[in-house]
């Protein structure tokens, strides 16, 4: 299977507008390419869906996701961090704008996240190795739309969620397959993938609210 190792650059998933035919905008169009779009592979997708659903209800996954959300809430930065080095370098010079008393406290909390994420990687090894082995012919784990309305705005939101999940899959694959090249550990890369996915989903929701006039 052909693997294109694209290095990550900062990406903000956001709907252009409710009337725009493009489902998503990115700050680097090279990330959303035909190579990264999933093809039909029902057997692998069913396997991944089962593995993914088992992972997201596990206590270790729930714990690390809560820690990631709390950590990124405390740093007060809505930008995407592509590598651990980006995050920690930013923190060194912007610690005063965070809720952490000092850089050491931030570093220790981040280290705790890496420890928790390592447990997730170990306990759900088959899921992550399957992502790497089968990428890009995969499609799984799409967020259920939390709104009951219909129309163009909801359709665009669905597209936005879909692409957010695609990018999350790509960044998980990148974290697992090319971490040695970026200097970011697998656990750090997967944690950043989760943080950026949460950020992109919030952007989807915000744009949807604006689209319906709230």
Protein backbone atom coordinates (compact mmCIF):
# COMPACT_ATOMS: atom_id res chain seq x y z
CA UNK A 1 0.00 0.00 0.00
CA UNK A 2 1.34 3.37 -0.96
CA UNK A 3 2.10 5.58 2.05
CA UNK A 4 2.66 9.30 1.52
CA UNK A 5 4.49 10.71 4.51
CA UNK A 6 3.30 14.30 4.59
CA UNK A 7 4.70 16.38 7.42
CA UNK A 8 2.04 18.17 9.42
CA UNK A 9 1.60 21.91 9.29
CA UNK A 10 -0.94 23.90 11.28
CA UNK A 11 -4.49 23.21 10.15
CA UNK A 12 -7.68 24.93 11.24
CA UNK A 13 -10.78 23.12 10.05
CA UNK A 14 -13.58 25.58 9.56
CA UNK A 15 -16.57 25.90 7.27
CA UNK A 16 -16.23 28.76 4.82
CA UNK A 17 -19.94 29.56 4.92
CA UNK A 18 -23.29 27.81 4.75
CA UNK A 19 -23.63 28.60 1.07
CA UNK A 20 -20.10 27.63 0.10
CA UNK A 21 -19.98 24.37 -1.84
CA UNK A 22 -16.58 23.54 -0.33
CA UNK A 23 -17.08 21.44 2.78
CA UNK A 24 -13.95 22.65 4.50
CA UNK A 25 -11.14 25.17 4.45
CA UNK A 26 -7.61 24.41 5.56
CA UNK A 27 -4.55 26.57 6.10
CA UNK A 28 -2.53 24.05 4.10
CA UNK A 29 -4.38 22.44 1.21
CA UNK A 30 -1.63 19.85 0.79
CA UNK A 31 -2.97 17.97 3.80
CA UNK A 32 -6.35 17.21 2.25
CA UNK A 33 -5.37 15.30 -0.87
CA UNK A 34 -6.77 12.32 -2.73
CA UNK A 35 -4.06 10.25 -1.06
CA UNK A 36 -5.52 11.01 2.37
CA UNK A 37 -9.15 10.35 1.43
CA UNK A 38 -10.44 6.96 2.53
CA UNK A 39 -11.46 4.44 -0.11
CA UNK A 40 -14.08 1.72 0.29
CA UNK A 41 -12.81 -1.08 2.49
CA UNK A 42 -15.76 -2.42 4.46
CA UNK A 43 -13.94 -5.27 6.17
CA UNK A 44 -11.15 -3.07 7.55
CA UNK A 45 -13.57 -0.26 8.42
CA UNK A 46 -15.77 -2.65 10.42
CA UNK A 47 -12.71 -3.94 12.26
CA UNK A 48 -11.52 -0.42 13.03
CA UNK A 49 -14.98 0.69 14.11
CA UNK A 50 -15.12 -2.19 16.60
CA UNK A 51 -11.64 -1.47 17.93
CA UNK A 52 -12.29 2.27 18.10
CA UNK A 53 -15.60 1.88 19.93
CA UNK A 54 -13.94 -0.41 22.48
CA UNK A 55 -11.13 2.09 22.99
CA UNK A 56 -13.23 5.20 23.52
CA UNK A 57 -15.23 3.62 26.37
CA UNK A 58 -12.14 2.34 28.17
CA UNK A 59 -11.21 4.12 31.40
CA UNK A 60 -7.67 4.84 30.26
CA UNK A 61 -8.95 6.60 27.12
CA UNK A 62 -11.56 8.59 29.04
CA UNK A 63 -8.92 9.66 31.58
CA UNK A 64 -6.41 10.88 29.01
CA UNK A 65 -9.08 12.72 27.00
CA UNK A 66 -10.21 14.58 30.11
CA UNK A 67 -6.58 15.46 30.90
CA UNK A 68 -5.97 16.72 27.35
CA UNK A 69 -9.06 18.93 27.40
CA UNK A 70 -8.16 20.34 30.82
CA UNK A 71 -4.57 21.00 29.78
CA UNK A 72 -5.45 22.87 26.61
CA UNK A 73 -8.17 24.84 28.39
CA UNK A 74 -5.53 26.05 30.85
CA UNK A 75 -3.03 27.24 28.25
CA UNK A 76 -5.52 29.67 26.65
CA UNK A 77 -4.25 29.15 23.13
CA UNK A 78 -6.62 28.16 20.34
CA UNK A 79 -3.85 27.53 17.82
CA UNK A 80 -3.00 24.04 16.62
CA UNK A 81 0.34 22.58 17.71
CA UNK A 82 1.80 20.14 15.23
CA UNK A 83 4.65 18.81 17.37
CA UNK A 84 5.53 18.54 21.03
CA UNK A 85 8.43 20.90 20.41
CA UNK A 86 6.04 23.55 19.07
CA UNK A 87 3.90 23.25 22.18
CA UNK A 88 6.72 23.38 24.71
CA UNK A 89 8.60 26.17 22.93
CA UNK A 90 5.42 28.24 22.91
CA UNK A 91 4.88 27.50 26.60
CA UNK A 92 8.38 28.64 27.57
CA UNK A 93 7.76 32.14 26.26
CA UNK A 94 4.04 32.43 27.03
CA UNK A 95 3.69 30.79 30.43
CA UNK A 96 2.34 34.02 31.94
CA UNK A 97 -0.71 33.84 29.68
CA UNK A 98 -1.61 30.36 30.92
CA UNK A 99 -3.13 29.17 34.19
CA UNK A 100 0.09 27.41 35.16
CA UNK A 101 2.25 28.97 37.88
CA UNK A 102 5.44 28.20 35.98
CA UNK A 103 6.81 26.25 33.05
CA UNK A 104 7.80 23.29 35.21
CA UNK A 105 4.18 22.82 36.32
CA UNK A 106 3.03 22.86 32.71
CA UNK A 107 5.74 20.44 31.65
CA UNK A 108 4.86 18.04 34.47
CA UNK A 109 1.18 18.04 33.56
CA UNK A 110 2.01 17.43 29.91
CA UNK A 111 4.33 14.61 30.94
CA UNK A 112 1.44 13.07 32.86
CA UNK A 113 -0.65 13.15 29.69
CA UNK A 114 2.11 11.36 27.79
CA UNK A 115 2.21 8.67 30.47
CA UNK A 116 -1.55 8.17 30.25
CA UNK A 117 -1.49 8.14 26.46
CA UNK A 118 1.24 5.51 26.49
CA UNK A 119 -1.15 3.24 28.40
CA UNK A 120 -3.80 3.82 25.72
CA UNK A 121 -1.31 2.98 22.97
CA UNK A 122 -0.31 -0.19 24.77
CA UNK A 123 -3.80 -1.39 25.65
CA UNK A 124 -5.21 -0.61 22.19
CA UNK A 125 -2.19 -1.50 20.13
CA UNK A 126 -4.22 -3.33 17.49
CA UNK A 127 -6.28 -0.24 16.69
CA UNK A 128 -3.23 1.95 16.12
CA UNK A 129 -1.28 -0.62 14.14
CA UNK A 130 -4.32 -1.21 11.93
CA UNK A 131 -4.54 2.52 11.22
CA UNK A 132 -0.91 2.52 10.12
CA UNK A 133 -1.14 -0.68 8.09
CA UNK A 134 -4.35 0.19 6.25
CA UNK A 135 -4.10 3.96 5.84
CA UNK A 136 -5.49 5.66 3.76
CA UNK A 137 -8.11 3.02 2.88
CA UNK A 138 -10.02 3.57 6.13
CA UNK A 139 -13.04 5.42 7.41
CA UNK A 140 -14.37 5.09 10.98
CA UNK A 141 -15.50 6.84 14.13
CA UNK A 142 -17.51 9.76 12.81
CA UNK A 143 -19.16 12.04 15.37
CA UNK A 144 -22.93 11.88 15.62
CA UNK A 145 -24.51 15.22 14.78
CA UNK A 146 -25.82 16.70 18.06
CA UNK A 147 -28.48 18.83 16.34
CA UNK A 148 -32.00 17.93 15.19
CA UNK A 149 -32.37 20.50 12.41
CA UNK A 150 -31.99 19.89 8.69
CA UNK A 151 -30.92 21.92 5.67
CA UNK A 152 -27.73 23.36 4.25
CA UNK A 153 -26.25 24.37 7.60
CA UNK A 154 -26.55 20.87 9.00
CA UNK A 155 -25.18 19.36 5.80
CA UNK A 156 -22.14 21.61 6.03
CA UNK A 157 -21.69 20.70 9.69
CA UNK A 158 -21.77 17.03 8.80
CA UNK A 159 -19.09 17.63 6.14
CA UNK A 160 -17.02 19.57 8.64
CA UNK A 161 -17.17 16.78 11.23
CA UNK A 162 -16.36 14.23 8.54
CA UNK A 163 -13.25 16.09 7.46
CA UNK A 164 -12.21 16.74 11.05
CA UNK A 165 -12.23 12.98 11.62
CA UNK A 166 -10.31 12.39 8.38
CA UNK A 167 -7.63 14.80 9.52
CA UNK A 168 -7.55 13.17 12.95
CA UNK A 169 -6.97 9.80 11.30
CA UNK A 170 -4.18 11.30 9.22
CA UNK A 171 -2.49 12.83 12.25
CA UNK A 172 -2.77 9.57 14.20
CA UNK A 173 -1.19 7.78 11.26
CA UNK A 174 1.54 10.42 11.10
CA UNK A 175 2.19 10.19 14.83
CA UNK A 176 2.56 6.42 14.67
CA UNK A 177 4.42 6.17 11.36
CA UNK A 178 6.73 9.18 11.23
CA UNK A 179 7.22 10.21 14.85
CA UNK A 180 10.93 9.44 14.62
CA UNK A 181 11.27 12.00 11.83
CA UNK A 182 9.40 14.82 13.59
CA UNK A 183 10.99 14.36 17.02
CA UNK A 184 7.57 13.95 18.61
CA UNK A 185 6.88 10.69 20.42
CA UNK A 186 3.93 8.56 19.37
CA UNK A 187 2.12 9.33 22.62
CA UNK A 188 2.69 13.07 22.20
CA UNK A 189 1.60 12.96 18.55
CA UNK A 190 -1.62 11.10 19.34
CA UNK A 191 -2.34 13.52 22.20
CA UNK A 192 -1.87 16.51 19.90
CA UNK A 193 -4.07 14.82 17.29
CA UNK A 194 -6.81 14.59 19.91
CA UNK A 195 -6.37 18.20 21.00
CA UNK A 196 -6.49 19.47 17.42
CA UNK A 197 -9.52 17.30 16.66
CA UNK A 198 -11.37 18.79 19.63
CA UNK A 199 -10.41 22.26 18.42
CA UNK A 200 -11.63 21.56 14.89
CA UNK A 201 -14.95 20.20 16.15
CA UNK A 202 -15.45 23.39 18.16
CA UNK A 203 -14.79 25.39 15.00
CA UNK A 204 -17.40 23.30 13.19
CA UNK A 205 -19.95 23.94 15.95
CA UNK A 206 -19.22 27.66 16.09
CA UNK A 207 -19.67 28.04 12.34
CA UNK A 208 -22.86 26.01 12.45
CA UNK A 209 -24.28 28.28 15.16
CA UNK A 210 -23.42 31.32 13.05
CA UNK A 211 -24.99 29.69 9.99
CA UNK A 212 -28.35 29.16 11.69
CA UNK A 213 -28.24 32.67 13.15
CA UNK A 214 -27.63 31.96 16.85
